[in-house]
Amino acid sequence: MSNLRVKYQTVEFNDIDIHTCILRDNQQYEDIDNEAEDLGISSASWPLFGQIWPSSKVLASLMSDFDIKNKRILEVGCGIGLASLVLNHRLADITATDYHPQVQKFLNRNSLLNNDEDIPFERTGWSDNDDTLGKFDLIIGSDLLYERDHAHMLSEFINAHANKNCEIIIIDPGRGNQGKFTKMMIELGYTYTCKHSDEIDTEINNGTFKIHSLVR
């Protein structure tokens, strides 16, 4: 039986209530088969997937009334997958992906909590080249660029999974690596715009986050 301590939290987005089971705190750790260690995930970073971060709330708020008609959607580095849970509750065609080996377990548990179907999920890294995800019309993510080398890996990963006409939305709290990522995406042929988070009429934050949008 798992020794992980969890807690339950409901997050509201307009008329949508999303119920979540998340790790109780950032001190939780359980890697019985050394699966995470073998993937290069340290004990310090292991529990980070299991929290609801402010950037993910901004992204989920944006997705609560986003146009999803006829769009195949991918959430990159989903963690707890709050935006994916919102989209899934709206019956969107959403697929989620993350590198952490525990993500799918929590994603399935949280889908069940909301009386929704399981979200299609694939565990893969941005530098892997053997995933089966395919192409998407909308690619989303939040707080992804927290390491210097992430800009290159993420831009290549997104470009490999973007349809000919694709929109990318990244919520960034200002970690300092977004500029490099944006430059790489522009070089790949994408058009870039940016908004502050308070421009989407959300009370979750005070304009702290930036919404980076790229289209091609």
N, C-alpha and C. Protein backbone atom coordinates (compact mmCIF):
# COMPACT_ATOMS: atom_id res chain seq x y z
N MET A 1 0.84 -1.19 0.00
CA MET A 1 0.00 0.00 0.00
C MET A 1 0.88 1.24 0.00
N SER A 2 0.45 2.27 -0.72
CA SER A 2 1.22 3.49 -0.82
C SER A 2 1.26 4.23 0.51
N ASN A 3 2.43 4.81 0.82
CA ASN A 3 2.58 5.62 2.01
C ASN A 3 2.46 7.11 1.71
N LEU A 4 2.14 7.44 0.46
CA LEU A 4 1.99 8.84 0.09
C LEU A 4 0.79 9.46 0.80
N ARG A 5 0.96 10.69 1.28
CA ARG A 5 -0.14 11.41 1.89
C ARG A 5 -0.71 12.38 0.85
N VAL A 6 -2.00 12.38 0.72
CA VAL A 6 -2.66 13.21 -0.29
C VAL A 6 -3.71 14.10 0.38
N LYS A 7 -4.22 15.05 -0.39
CA LYS A 7 -5.34 15.87 0.06
C LYS A 7 -6.25 16.12 -1.14
N TYR A 8 -7.46 16.54 -0.85
CA TYR A 8 -8.45 16.77 -1.90
C TYR A 8 -8.78 18.26 -1.96
N GLN A 9 -8.91 18.74 -3.19
CA GLN A 9 -9.13 20.16 -3.40
C GLN A 9 -10.06 20.35 -4.59
N THR A 10 -11.02 21.26 -4.46
CA THR A 10 -11.90 21.61 -5.57
C THR A 10 -11.54 22.99 -6.06
N VAL A 11 -11.35 23.10 -7.37
CA VAL A 11 -11.01 24.38 -7.99
C VAL A 11 -12.16 24.77 -8.91
N GLU A 12 -12.62 26.02 -8.80
CA GLU A 12 -13.77 26.49 -9.55
C GLU A 12 -13.34 27.35 -10.73
N PHE A 13 -13.96 27.09 -11.87
CA PHE A 13 -13.75 27.89 -13.08
C PHE A 13 -15.12 28.20 -13.67
N ASN A 14 -15.59 29.43 -13.46
CA ASN A 14 -16.93 29.82 -13.90
C ASN A 14 -17.94 28.81 -13.33
N ASP A 15 -18.62 28.06 -14.17
CA ASP A 15 -19.60 27.09 -13.68
C ASP A 15 -19.06 25.67 -13.64
N ILE A 16 -17.73 25.54 -13.74
CA ILE A 16 -17.10 24.22 -13.72
C ILE A 16 -16.37 24.02 -12.39
N ASP A 17 -16.70 22.96 -11.69
CA ASP A 17 -15.98 22.57 -10.47
C ASP A 17 -15.13 21.35 -10.80
N ILE A 18 -13.81 21.47 -10.56
CA ILE A 18 -12.90 20.37 -10.81
C ILE A 18 -12.37 19.85 -9.47
N HIS A 19 -12.65 18.60 -9.19
CA HIS A 19 -12.23 17.97 -7.94
C HIS A 19 -10.90 17.26 -8.18
N THR A 20 -9.96 17.46 -7.27
CA THR A 20 -8.62 16.90 -7.47
C THR A 20 -8.11 16.22 -6.21
N CYS A 21 -7.34 15.17 -6.44
CA CYS A 21 -6.53 14.53 -5.41
C CYS A 21 -5.09 14.87 -5.74
N ILE A 22 -4.40 15.53 -4.83
CA ILE A 22 -3.02 15.95 -5.06
C ILE A 22 -2.16 15.52 -3.87
N LEU A 23 -0.85 15.62 -4.03
CA LEU A 23 0.04 15.32 -2.91
C LEU A 23 -0.17 16.33 -1.79
N ARG A 24 -0.09 15.86 -0.57
CA ARG A 24 -0.35 16.72 0.59
C ARG A 24 0.62 17.90 0.66
N ASP A 25 1.90 17.65 0.29
CA ASP A 25 2.90 18.70 0.31
C ASP A 25 4.10 18.27 -0.54
N ASN A 26 5.12 19.11 -0.57
CA ASN A 26 6.31 18.83 -1.37
C ASN A 26 7.33 17.94 -0.66
N GLN A 27 6.92 17.33 0.44
CA GLN A 27 7.82 16.42 1.16
C GLN A 27 7.51 14.95 0.84
N GLN A 28 6.51 14.71 0.01
CA GLN A 28 6.13 13.33 -0.31
C GLN A 28 7.12 12.72 -1.31
N TYR A 29 7.37 11.43 -1.14
CA TYR A 29 8.30 10.74 -2.04
C TYR A 29 8.07 9.24 -1.95
N GLU A 30 7.95 8.60 -3.11
CA GLU A 30 7.80 7.14 -3.13
C GLU A 30 8.25 6.63 -4.50
N ASP A 31 9.35 5.93 -4.50
CA ASP A 31 9.91 5.42 -5.76
C ASP A 31 10.41 4.01 -5.51
N ILE A 32 9.47 3.12 -5.19
CA ILE A 32 9.79 1.77 -4.72
C ILE A 32 10.64 1.00 -5.72
N ASP A 33 10.32 1.08 -6.98
CA ASP A 33 11.04 0.33 -8.01
C ASP A 33 12.13 1.15 -8.69
N ASN A 34 12.45 2.31 -8.11
CA ASN A 34 13.47 3.20 -8.67
C ASN A 34 13.15 3.65 -10.10
N GLU A 35 11.86 3.66 -10.43
CA GLU A 35 11.46 4.05 -11.78
C GLU A 35 11.80 5.51 -12.05
N ALA A 36 11.48 6.38 -11.11
CA ALA A 36 11.78 7.81 -11.29
C ALA A 36 13.28 8.06 -11.29
N GLU A 37 13.99 7.39 -10.39
CA GLU A 37 15.44 7.56 -10.32
C GLU A 37 16.09 7.14 -11.63
N ASP A 38 15.61 6.06 -12.21
CA ASP A 38 16.16 5.59 -13.48
C ASP A 38 15.90 6.58 -14.62
N LEU A 39 14.86 7.39 -14.46
CA LEU A 39 14.55 8.41 -15.46
C LEU A 39 15.27 9.72 -15.20
N GLY A 40 16.05 9.77 -14.11
CA GLY A 40 16.80 10.97 -13.78
C GLY A 40 16.03 11.96 -12.93
N ILE A 41 14.93 11.51 -12.31
CA ILE A 41 14.12 12.38 -11.45
C ILE A 41 14.61 12.24 -10.02
N SER A 42 15.09 13.32 -9.44
CA SER A 42 15.66 13.29 -8.09
C SER A 42 14.55 13.26 -7.04
N SER A 43 14.92 12.90 -5.83
CA SER A 43 13.94 12.88 -4.74
C SER A 43 13.40 14.28 -4.45
N ALA A 44 14.22 15.30 -4.68
CA ALA A 44 13.78 16.68 -4.43
C ALA A 44 12.73 17.13 -5.44
N SER A 45 12.89 16.71 -6.70
CA SER A 45 11.95 17.13 -7.74
C SER A 45 10.78 16.16 -7.89
N TRP A 46 10.87 14.98 -7.31
CA TRP A 46 9.85 13.95 -7.47
C TRP A 46 8.44 14.45 -7.15
N PRO A 47 8.21 15.17 -6.03
CA PRO A 47 6.82 15.52 -5.69
C PRO A 47 6.27 16.73 -6.43
N LEU A 48 7.05 17.40 -7.26
CA LEU A 48 6.59 18.65 -7.87
C LEU A 48 5.42 18.43 -8.81
N PHE A 49 5.34 17.25 -9.42
CA PHE A 49 4.23 16.97 -10.34
C PHE A 49 2.89 16.98 -9.61
N GLY A 50 2.90 16.70 -8.31
CA GLY A 50 1.68 16.41 -7.57
C GLY A 50 1.02 17.60 -6.91
N GLN A 51 1.41 18.81 -7.32
CA GLN A 51 0.82 20.02 -6.77
C GLN A 51 0.06 20.78 -7.87
N ILE A 52 -0.87 21.62 -7.46
CA ILE A 52 -1.52 22.53 -8.40
C ILE A 52 -0.81 23.87 -8.30
N TRP A 53 -0.07 24.22 -9.35
CA TRP A 53 0.73 25.43 -9.36
C TRP A 53 -0.08 26.61 -9.92
N PRO A 54 0.23 27.83 -9.50
CA PRO A 54 -0.53 29.00 -9.97
C PRO A 54 -0.64 29.10 -11.49
N SER A 55 0.45 28.80 -12.20
CA SER A 55 0.41 28.88 -13.67
C SER A 55 -0.62 27.92 -14.25
N SER A 56 -0.76 26.74 -13.63
CA SER A 56 -1.71 25.76 -14.14
C SER A 56 -3.15 26.24 -13.94
N LYS A 57 -3.39 27.02 -12.89
CA LYS A 57 -4.72 27.59 -12.67
C LYS A 57 -5.06 28.61 -13.75
N VAL A 58 -4.06 29.40 -14.14
CA VAL A 58 -4.28 30.37 -15.21
C VAL A 58 -4.62 29.66 -16.51
N LEU A 59 -3.86 28.61 -16.83
CA LEU A 59 -4.11 27.86 -18.06
C LEU A 59 -5.48 27.19 -18.01
N ALA A 60 -5.83 26.58 -16.88
CA ALA A 60 -7.13 25.92 -16.76
C ALA A 60 -8.27 26.91 -16.87
N SER A 61 -8.09 28.10 -16.30
CA SER A 61 -9.10 29.15 -16.42
C SER A 61 -9.30 29.54 -17.87
N LEU A 62 -8.20 29.67 -18.59
CA LEU A 62 -8.27 30.02 -20.02
C LEU A 62 -9.00 28.92 -20.80
N MET A 63 -8.74 27.66 -20.45
CA MET A 63 -9.35 26.55 -21.17
C MET A 63 -10.81 26.32 -20.79
N SER A 64 -11.30 26.96 -19.73
CA SER A 64 -12.67 26.72 -19.28
C SER A 64 -13.71 27.23 -20.27
N ASP A 65 -13.33 28.20 -21.13
CA ASP A 65 -14.26 28.66 -22.15
C ASP A 65 -13.57 28.85 -23.51
N PHE A 66 -12.45 28.17 -23.70
CA PHE A 66 -11.70 28.26 -24.95
C PHE A 66 -12.45 27.51 -26.05
N ASP A 67 -12.31 27.98 -27.29
CA ASP A 67 -12.94 27.31 -28.43
C ASP A 67 -12.24 25.97 -28.67
N ILE A 68 -12.96 24.87 -28.47
CA ILE A 68 -12.38 23.53 -28.60
C ILE A 68 -12.97 22.76 -29.77
N LYS A 69 -13.87 23.35 -30.50
CA LYS A 69 -14.57 22.63 -31.56
C LYS A 69 -13.61 22.12 -32.63
N ASN A 70 -13.71 20.83 -32.91
CA ASN A 70 -12.92 20.18 -33.98
C ASN A 70 -11.41 20.32 -33.76
N LYS A 71 -10.97 20.44 -32.51
CA LYS A 71 -9.54 20.57 -32.22
C LYS A 71 -9.03 19.36 -31.45
N ARG A 72 -7.94 18.83 -31.91
CA ARG A 72 -7.22 17.80 -31.15
C ARG A 72 -6.19 18.54 -30.31
N ILE A 73 -6.25 18.34 -28.98
CA ILE A 73 -5.50 19.18 -28.04
C ILE A 73 -4.51 18.33 -27.26
N LEU A 74 -3.32 18.89 -27.04
CA LEU A 74 -2.27 18.23 -26.25
C LEU A 74 -1.83 19.15 -25.11
N GLU A 75 -1.83 18.62 -23.88
CA GLU A 75 -1.19 19.35 -22.78
C GLU A 75 0.18 18.73 -22.53
N VAL A 76 1.20 19.56 -22.60
CA VAL A 76 2.59 19.15 -22.44
C VAL A 76 3.03 19.38 -21.00
N GLY A 77 3.73 18.41 -20.41
CA GLY A 77 4.21 18.57 -19.04
C GLY A 77 3.05 18.83 -18.09
N CYS A 78 2.04 17.97 -18.15
CA CYS A 78 0.76 18.28 -17.51
C CYS A 78 0.78 18.23 -16.00
N GLY A 79 1.67 17.43 -15.38
CA GLY A 79 1.64 17.30 -13.93
C GLY A 79 0.29 16.75 -13.48
N ILE A 80 -0.36 17.42 -12.54
CA ILE A 80 -1.69 17.02 -12.10
C ILE A 80 -2.70 17.16 -13.23
N GLY A 81 -2.41 18.02 -14.20
CA GLY A 81 -3.24 18.10 -15.40
C GLY A 81 -4.54 18.86 -15.21
N LEU A 82 -4.50 19.96 -14.48
CA LEU A 82 -5.72 20.71 -14.20
C LEU A 82 -6.41 21.19 -15.48
N ALA A 83 -5.63 21.72 -16.42
CA ALA A 83 -6.22 22.18 -17.69
C ALA A 83 -6.81 21.01 -18.46
N SER A 84 -6.13 19.87 -18.45
CA SER A 84 -6.64 18.68 -19.12
C SER A 84 -7.94 18.21 -18.48
N LEU A 85 -8.03 18.29 -17.16
CA LEU A 85 -9.26 17.90 -16.46
C LEU A 85 -10.42 18.81 -16.83
N VAL A 86 -10.14 20.11 -16.94
CA VAL A 86 -11.18 21.05 -17.37
C VAL A 86 -11.64 20.72 -18.78
N LEU A 87 -10.69 20.53 -19.68
CA LEU A 87 -11.03 20.23 -21.08
C LEU A 87 -11.76 18.89 -21.19
N ASN A 88 -11.31 17.91 -20.44
CA ASN A 88 -11.96 16.61 -20.45
C ASN A 88 -13.40 16.72 -19.97
N HIS A 89 -13.62 17.54 -18.94
CA HIS A 89 -14.97 17.75 -18.42
C HIS A 89 -15.86 18.42 -19.46
N ARG A 90 -15.24 19.21 -20.35
CA ARG A 90 -15.97 19.87 -21.44
C ARG A 90 -16.11 18.96 -22.67
N LEU A 91 -15.65 17.72 -22.54
CA LEU A 91 -15.71 16.72 -23.62
C LEU A 91 -14.83 17.09 -24.80
N ALA A 92 -13.72 17.77 -24.53
CA ALA A 92 -12.76 18.09 -25.58
C ALA A 92 -11.95 16.85 -25.95
N ASP A 93 -11.34 16.89 -27.12
CA ASP A 93 -10.43 15.83 -27.57
C ASP A 93 -9.05 16.16 -27.02
N ILE A 94 -8.81 15.80 -25.76
CA ILE A 94 -7.58 16.18 -25.04
C ILE A 94 -6.71 14.96 -24.77
N THR A 95 -5.43 15.12 -25.02
CA THR A 95 -4.41 14.13 -24.68
C THR A 95 -3.40 14.82 -23.77
N ALA A 96 -2.89 14.12 -22.76
CA ALA A 96 -1.92 14.70 -21.84
C ALA A 96 -0.62 13.90 -21.88
N THR A 97 0.46 14.59 -21.58
CA THR A 97 1.75 13.91 -21.53
C THR A 97 2.63 14.54 -20.45
N ASP A 98 3.48 13.72 -19.86
CA ASP A 98 4.42 14.18 -18.84
C ASP A 98 5.53 13.14 -18.75
N TYR A 99 6.64 13.54 -18.16
CA TYR A 99 7.79 12.64 -18.02
C TYR A 99 7.69 11.78 -16.76
N HIS A 100 6.95 12.25 -15.76
CA HIS A 100 6.92 11.61 -14.45
C HIS A 100 6.09 10.32 -14.48
N PRO A 101 6.59 9.23 -13.88
CA PRO A 101 5.90 7.94 -13.96
C PRO A 101 4.63 7.84 -13.13
N GLN A 102 4.38 8.79 -12.21
CA GLN A 102 3.19 8.72 -11.37
C GLN A 102 2.02 9.54 -11.92
N VAL A 103 2.25 10.30 -12.97
CA VAL A 103 1.23 11.25 -13.44
C VAL A 103 -0.05 10.55 -13.87
N GLN A 104 0.06 9.48 -14.64
CA GLN A 104 -1.14 8.84 -15.16
C GLN A 104 -2.04 8.31 -14.04
N LYS A 105 -1.44 7.80 -12.98
CA LYS A 105 -2.21 7.29 -11.86
C LYS A 105 -3.09 8.40 -11.26
N PHE A 106 -2.51 9.58 -11.06
CA PHE A 106 -3.27 10.70 -10.49
C PHE A 106 -4.27 11.25 -11.51
N LEU A 107 -3.90 11.26 -12.79
CA LEU A 107 -4.79 11.77 -13.82
C LEU A 107 -6.05 10.89 -13.91
N ASN A 108 -5.87 9.58 -13.86
CA ASN A 108 -7.01 8.67 -13.90
C ASN A 108 -7.88 8.83 -12.65
N ARG A 109 -7.22 8.96 -11.51
CA ARG A 109 -7.96 9.11 -10.26
C ARG A 109 -8.79 10.38 -10.27
N ASN A 110 -8.22 11.46 -10.79
CA ASN A 110 -8.92 12.74 -10.81
C ASN A 110 -10.02 12.78 -11.86
N SER A 111 -9.82 12.08 -12.97
CA SER A 111 -10.90 11.97 -13.95
C SER A 111 -12.10 11.27 -13.33
N LEU A 112 -11.83 10.21 -12.56
CA LEU A 112 -12.90 9.48 -11.89
C LEU A 112 -13.60 10.36 -10.86
N LEU A 113 -12.85 11.17 -10.14
CA LEU A 113 -13.44 12.07 -9.15
C LEU A 113 -14.44 13.02 -9.78
N ASN A 114 -14.22 13.36 -11.05
CA ASN A 114 -15.10 14.29 -11.75
C ASN A 114 -16.13 13.59 -12.62
N ASN A 115 -16.24 12.26 -12.43
CA ASN A 115 -17.21 11.45 -13.19
C ASN A 115 -16.98 11.55 -14.69
N ASP A 116 -15.72 11.64 -15.10
CA ASP A 116 -15.37 11.75 -16.51
C ASP A 116 -14.57 10.52 -16.96
N GLU A 117 -14.48 10.35 -18.26
CA GLU A 117 -13.68 9.27 -18.83
C GLU A 117 -12.19 9.55 -18.60
N ASP A 118 -11.38 8.50 -18.61
CA ASP A 118 -9.94 8.68 -18.49
C ASP A 118 -9.41 9.53 -19.64
N ILE A 119 -8.43 10.34 -19.34
CA ILE A 119 -7.78 11.19 -20.35
C ILE A 119 -6.68 10.38 -21.03
N PRO A 120 -6.66 10.30 -22.35
CA PRO A 120 -5.54 9.63 -23.04
C PRO A 120 -4.22 10.24 -22.59
N PHE A 121 -3.27 9.40 -22.23
CA PHE A 121 -2.01 9.87 -21.67
C PHE A 121 -0.85 9.06 -22.22
N GLU A 122 0.28 9.75 -22.42
CA GLU A 122 1.51 9.04 -22.78
C GLU A 122 2.68 9.63 -22.00
N ARG A 123 3.39 8.76 -21.30
CA ARG A 123 4.59 9.22 -20.59
C ARG A 123 5.74 9.29 -21.57
N THR A 124 6.27 10.48 -21.75
CA THR A 124 7.39 10.65 -22.67
C THR A 124 8.18 11.90 -22.30
N GLY A 125 9.42 11.95 -22.72
CA GLY A 125 10.25 13.13 -22.52
C GLY A 125 10.33 13.95 -23.78
N TRP A 126 10.69 15.21 -23.66
CA TRP A 126 10.75 16.10 -24.82
C TRP A 126 11.88 15.72 -25.77
N SER A 127 12.89 15.03 -25.29
CA SER A 127 13.98 14.62 -26.16
C SER A 127 13.80 13.21 -26.71
N ASP A 128 12.72 12.54 -26.29
CA ASP A 128 12.43 11.21 -26.82
C ASP A 128 11.92 11.33 -28.26
N ASN A 129 12.17 10.34 -29.06
CA ASN A 129 11.71 10.38 -30.45
C ASN A 129 10.92 9.14 -30.83
N ASP A 130 10.36 8.47 -29.81
CA ASP A 130 9.63 7.23 -30.09
C ASP A 130 8.21 7.25 -29.54
N ASP A 131 7.66 8.44 -29.29
CA ASP A 131 6.29 8.48 -28.78
C ASP A 131 5.29 8.24 -29.91
N THR A 132 4.04 8.00 -29.55
CA THR A 132 2.99 7.72 -30.53
C THR A 132 1.89 8.77 -30.48
N LEU A 133 2.24 9.98 -30.10
CA LEU A 133 1.24 11.03 -29.87
C LEU A 133 0.57 11.51 -31.15
N GLY A 134 1.32 11.69 -32.20
CA GLY A 134 0.76 12.21 -33.44
C GLY A 134 0.75 13.73 -33.46
N LYS A 135 -0.17 14.32 -34.24
CA LYS A 135 -0.22 15.77 -34.46
C LYS A 135 -1.44 16.38 -33.80
N PHE A 136 -1.33 17.67 -33.47
CA PHE A 136 -2.40 18.35 -32.74
C PHE A 136 -2.68 19.74 -33.33
N ASP A 137 -3.91 20.21 -33.06
CA ASP A 137 -4.34 21.53 -33.52
C ASP A 137 -4.09 22.61 -32.47
N LEU A 138 -4.04 22.21 -31.21
CA LEU A 138 -3.80 23.13 -30.09
C LEU A 138 -2.89 22.43 -29.10
N ILE A 139 -1.77 23.07 -28.74
CA ILE A 139 -0.82 22.53 -27.77
C ILE A 139 -0.69 23.53 -26.64
N ILE A 140 -0.85 23.06 -25.40
CA ILE A 140 -0.86 23.95 -24.24
C ILE A 140 0.11 23.46 -23.17
N GLY A 141 0.51 24.37 -22.30
CA GLY A 141 1.39 24.01 -21.19
C GLY A 141 1.55 25.17 -20.23
N SER A 142 1.99 24.88 -19.01
CA SER A 142 2.18 25.94 -18.01
C SER A 142 3.45 25.69 -17.21
N ASP A 143 4.21 26.76 -17.01
CA ASP A 143 5.43 26.74 -16.20
C ASP A 143 6.35 25.59 -16.60
N LEU A 144 6.70 25.56 -17.88
CA LEU A 144 7.50 24.46 -18.43
C LEU A 144 8.99 24.77 -18.49
N LEU A 145 9.35 26.04 -18.54
CA LEU A 145 10.73 26.42 -18.88
C LEU A 145 11.52 26.79 -17.64
N TYR A 146 11.71 25.82 -16.74
CA TYR A 146 12.42 26.09 -15.50
C TYR A 146 13.88 25.63 -15.53
N GLU A 147 14.34 25.12 -16.66
CA GLU A 147 15.75 24.80 -16.85
C GLU A 147 16.22 25.42 -18.15
N ARG A 148 17.51 25.79 -18.24
CA ARG A 148 18.02 26.52 -19.40
C ARG A 148 17.90 25.72 -20.69
N ASP A 149 18.10 24.38 -20.60
CA ASP A 149 18.07 23.57 -21.82
C ASP A 149 16.66 23.18 -22.24
N HIS A 150 15.64 23.58 -21.47
CA HIS A 150 14.27 23.22 -21.80
C HIS A 150 13.77 23.92 -23.05
N ALA A 151 14.26 25.13 -23.32
CA ALA A 151 13.77 25.90 -24.47
C ALA A 151 13.98 25.13 -25.77
N HIS A 152 15.16 24.59 -25.96
CA HIS A 152 15.47 23.85 -27.19
C HIS A 152 14.65 22.57 -27.27
N MET A 153 14.61 21.80 -26.17
CA MET A 153 13.88 20.52 -26.19
C MET A 153 12.40 20.74 -26.40
N LEU A 154 11.84 21.74 -25.72
CA LEU A 154 10.40 21.98 -25.82
C LEU A 154 10.01 22.47 -27.21
N SER A 155 10.79 23.37 -27.78
CA SER A 155 10.46 23.89 -29.11
C SER A 155 10.48 22.77 -30.15
N GLU A 156 11.47 21.88 -30.06
CA GLU A 156 11.56 20.77 -31.00
C GLU A 156 10.41 19.78 -30.80
N PHE A 157 10.06 19.54 -29.54
CA PHE A 157 8.98 18.60 -29.23
C PHE A 157 7.64 19.14 -29.74
N ILE A 158 7.37 20.41 -29.46
CA ILE A 158 6.11 21.00 -29.89
C ILE A 158 6.02 21.03 -31.41
N ASN A 159 7.10 21.44 -32.07
CA ASN A 159 7.08 21.53 -33.52
C ASN A 159 6.84 20.15 -34.16
N ALA A 160 7.35 19.11 -33.53
CA ALA A 160 7.17 17.76 -34.06
C ALA A 160 5.74 17.27 -33.95
N HIS A 161 4.97 17.88 -33.04
CA HIS A 161 3.61 17.41 -32.81
C HIS A 161 2.54 18.44 -33.21
N ALA A 162 2.96 19.49 -33.90
CA ALA A 162 2.03 20.52 -34.33
C ALA A 162 1.54 20.25 -35.75
N ASN A 163 0.24 20.34 -35.94
CA ASN A 163 -0.32 20.25 -37.28
C ASN A 163 0.13 21.45 -38.11
N LYS A 164 -0.15 21.40 -39.42
CA LYS A 164 0.24 22.48 -40.32
C LYS A 164 -0.32 23.81 -39.85
N ASN A 165 -1.57 23.78 -39.36
CA ASN A 165 -2.19 24.95 -38.73
C ASN A 165 -2.39 24.62 -37.26
N CYS A 166 -1.60 25.24 -36.41
CA CYS A 166 -1.62 24.88 -34.99
C CYS A 166 -1.44 26.13 -34.13
N GLU A 167 -2.10 26.12 -32.97
CA GLU A 167 -1.94 27.20 -31.99
C GLU A 167 -1.27 26.63 -30.75
N ILE A 168 -0.30 27.36 -30.21
CA ILE A 168 0.40 26.96 -28.99
C ILE A 168 0.18 28.02 -27.93
N ILE A 169 -0.20 27.61 -26.74
CA ILE A 169 -0.39 28.53 -25.62
C ILE A 169 0.44 28.05 -24.44
N ILE A 170 1.36 28.90 -23.99
CA ILE A 170 2.23 28.59 -22.87
C ILE A 170 2.06 29.66 -21.80
N ILE A 171 1.74 29.26 -20.57
CA ILE A 171 1.67 30.19 -19.45
C ILE A 171 3.01 30.15 -18.72
N ASP A 172 3.60 31.33 -18.54
CA ASP A 172 4.95 31.40 -17.95
C ASP A 172 4.96 32.41 -16.80
N PRO A 173 5.53 32.03 -15.64
CA PRO A 173 5.58 32.92 -14.49
C PRO A 173 6.82 33.82 -14.47
N GLY A 174 7.58 33.80 -15.56
CA GLY A 174 8.74 34.68 -15.65
C GLY A 174 10.02 34.08 -15.12
N ARG A 175 10.29 32.84 -15.48
CA ARG A 175 11.50 32.18 -14.99
C ARG A 175 12.76 32.58 -15.77
N GLY A 176 12.59 33.26 -16.90
CA GLY A 176 13.74 33.79 -17.61
C GLY A 176 14.16 33.04 -18.85
N ASN A 177 13.51 31.92 -19.13
CA ASN A 177 13.90 31.12 -20.29
C ASN A 177 12.90 31.22 -21.44
N GLN A 178 11.82 31.98 -21.24
CA GLN A 178 10.78 32.06 -22.26
C GLN A 178 11.28 32.74 -23.54
N GLY A 179 12.14 33.77 -23.39
CA GLY A 179 12.62 34.50 -24.57
C GLY A 179 13.36 33.61 -25.55
N LYS A 180 14.19 32.73 -25.03
CA LYS A 180 14.93 31.80 -25.89
C LYS A 180 13.98 30.85 -26.61
N PHE A 181 12.99 30.35 -25.88
CA PHE A 181 12.00 29.45 -26.47
C PHE A 181 11.23 30.16 -27.58
N THR A 182 10.78 31.37 -27.29
CA THR A 182 10.01 32.13 -28.28
C THR A 182 10.82 32.37 -29.54
N LYS A 183 12.09 32.74 -29.38
CA LYS A 183 12.96 32.97 -30.54
C LYS A 183 13.08 31.72 -31.39
N MET A 184 13.23 30.57 -30.74
CA MET A 184 13.35 29.31 -31.48
C MET A 184 12.06 29.00 -32.23
N MET A 185 10.90 29.26 -31.62
CA MET A 185 9.63 29.00 -32.27
C MET A 185 9.42 29.92 -33.47
N ILE A 186 9.82 31.17 -33.35
CA ILE A 186 9.71 32.12 -34.47
C ILE A 186 10.59 31.65 -35.63
N GLU A 187 11.78 31.15 -35.30
CA GLU A 187 12.68 30.63 -36.35
C GLU A 187 12.09 29.41 -37.04
N LEU A 188 11.19 28.71 -36.34
CA LEU A 188 10.53 27.54 -36.91
C LEU A 188 9.29 27.92 -37.72
N GLY A 189 8.99 29.22 -37.78
CA GLY A 189 7.90 29.69 -38.63
C GLY A 189 6.62 30.08 -37.93
N TYR A 190 6.67 30.25 -36.61
CA TYR A 190 5.48 30.61 -35.85
C TYR A 190 5.38 32.13 -35.65
N THR A 191 4.15 32.62 -35.56
CA THR A 191 3.89 34.02 -35.25
C THR A 191 3.57 34.14 -33.77
N TYR A 192 4.12 35.17 -33.10
CA TYR A 192 4.08 35.25 -31.65
C TYR A 192 3.31 36.47 -31.15
N THR A 193 2.48 36.27 -30.13
CA THR A 193 1.85 37.36 -29.40
C THR A 193 1.89 37.03 -27.91
N CYS A 194 1.75 38.07 -27.08
CA CYS A 194 1.84 37.88 -25.63
C CYS A 194 0.81 38.77 -24.93
N LYS A 195 0.18 38.22 -23.89
CA LYS A 195 -0.74 38.97 -23.05
C LYS A 195 -0.40 38.74 -21.59
N HIS A 196 -0.75 39.71 -20.75
CA HIS A 196 -0.67 39.49 -19.31
C HIS A 196 -1.91 38.74 -18.86
N SER A 197 -1.77 37.94 -17.81
CA SER A 197 -2.85 37.05 -17.41
C SER A 197 -4.11 37.79 -16.97
N ASP A 198 -3.99 39.01 -16.47
CA ASP A 198 -5.20 39.72 -16.06
C ASP A 198 -6.03 40.16 -17.25
N GLU A 199 -5.49 40.06 -18.44
CA GLU A 199 -6.25 40.41 -19.64
C GLU A 199 -7.28 39.36 -20.02
N ILE A 200 -7.23 38.18 -19.41
CA ILE A 200 -8.24 37.15 -19.70
C ILE A 200 -9.34 37.17 -18.64
N ASP A 201 -9.36 38.24 -17.82
CA ASP A 201 -10.44 38.44 -16.86
C ASP A 201 -10.52 37.32 -15.84
N THR A 202 -9.39 36.97 -15.28
CA THR A 202 -9.38 35.97 -14.22
C THR A 202 -8.95 36.63 -12.91
N GLU A 203 -9.52 36.18 -11.82
CA GLU A 203 -9.18 36.71 -10.50
C GLU A 203 -8.19 35.80 -9.78
N ILE A 204 -7.67 34.81 -10.49
CA ILE A 204 -6.74 33.87 -9.87
C ILE A 204 -5.43 34.55 -9.52
N ASN A 205 -5.06 35.58 -10.25
CA ASN A 205 -3.76 36.23 -10.07
C ASN A 205 -3.91 37.71 -10.33
N ASN A 206 -2.83 38.44 -10.22
CA ASN A 206 -2.84 39.88 -10.44
C ASN A 206 -1.98 40.28 -11.63
N GLY A 207 -2.12 39.56 -12.71
CA GLY A 207 -1.34 39.88 -13.90
C GLY A 207 0.10 39.43 -13.81
N THR A 208 0.40 38.53 -12.87
CA THR A 208 1.78 38.08 -12.66
C THR A 208 2.28 37.25 -13.82
N PHE A 209 1.41 36.51 -14.47
CA PHE A 209 1.81 35.55 -15.49
C PHE A 209 1.60 36.12 -16.89
N LYS A 210 2.36 35.57 -17.82
CA LYS A 210 2.22 35.96 -19.22
C LYS A 210 1.68 34.78 -20.02
N ILE A 211 0.78 35.08 -20.94
CA ILE A 211 0.20 34.09 -21.84
C ILE A 211 0.89 34.24 -23.17
N HIS A 212 1.73 33.29 -23.52
CA HIS A 212 2.49 33.33 -24.77
C HIS A 212 1.75 32.49 -25.81
N SER A 213 1.35 33.10 -26.91
CA SER A 213 0.60 32.41 -27.96
C SER A 213 1.41 32.40 -29.25
N LEU A 214 1.46 31.24 -29.87
CA LEU A 214 2.16 31.10 -31.16
C LEU A 214 1.24 30.35 -32.12
N VAL A 215 1.21 30.80 -33.35
CA VAL A 215 0.38 30.12 -34.35
C VAL A 215 1.18 29.97 -35.64
N ARG A 216 0.77 28.97 -36.41
CA ARG A 216 1.33 28.84 -37.75
C ARG A 216 0.25 28.29 -38.68
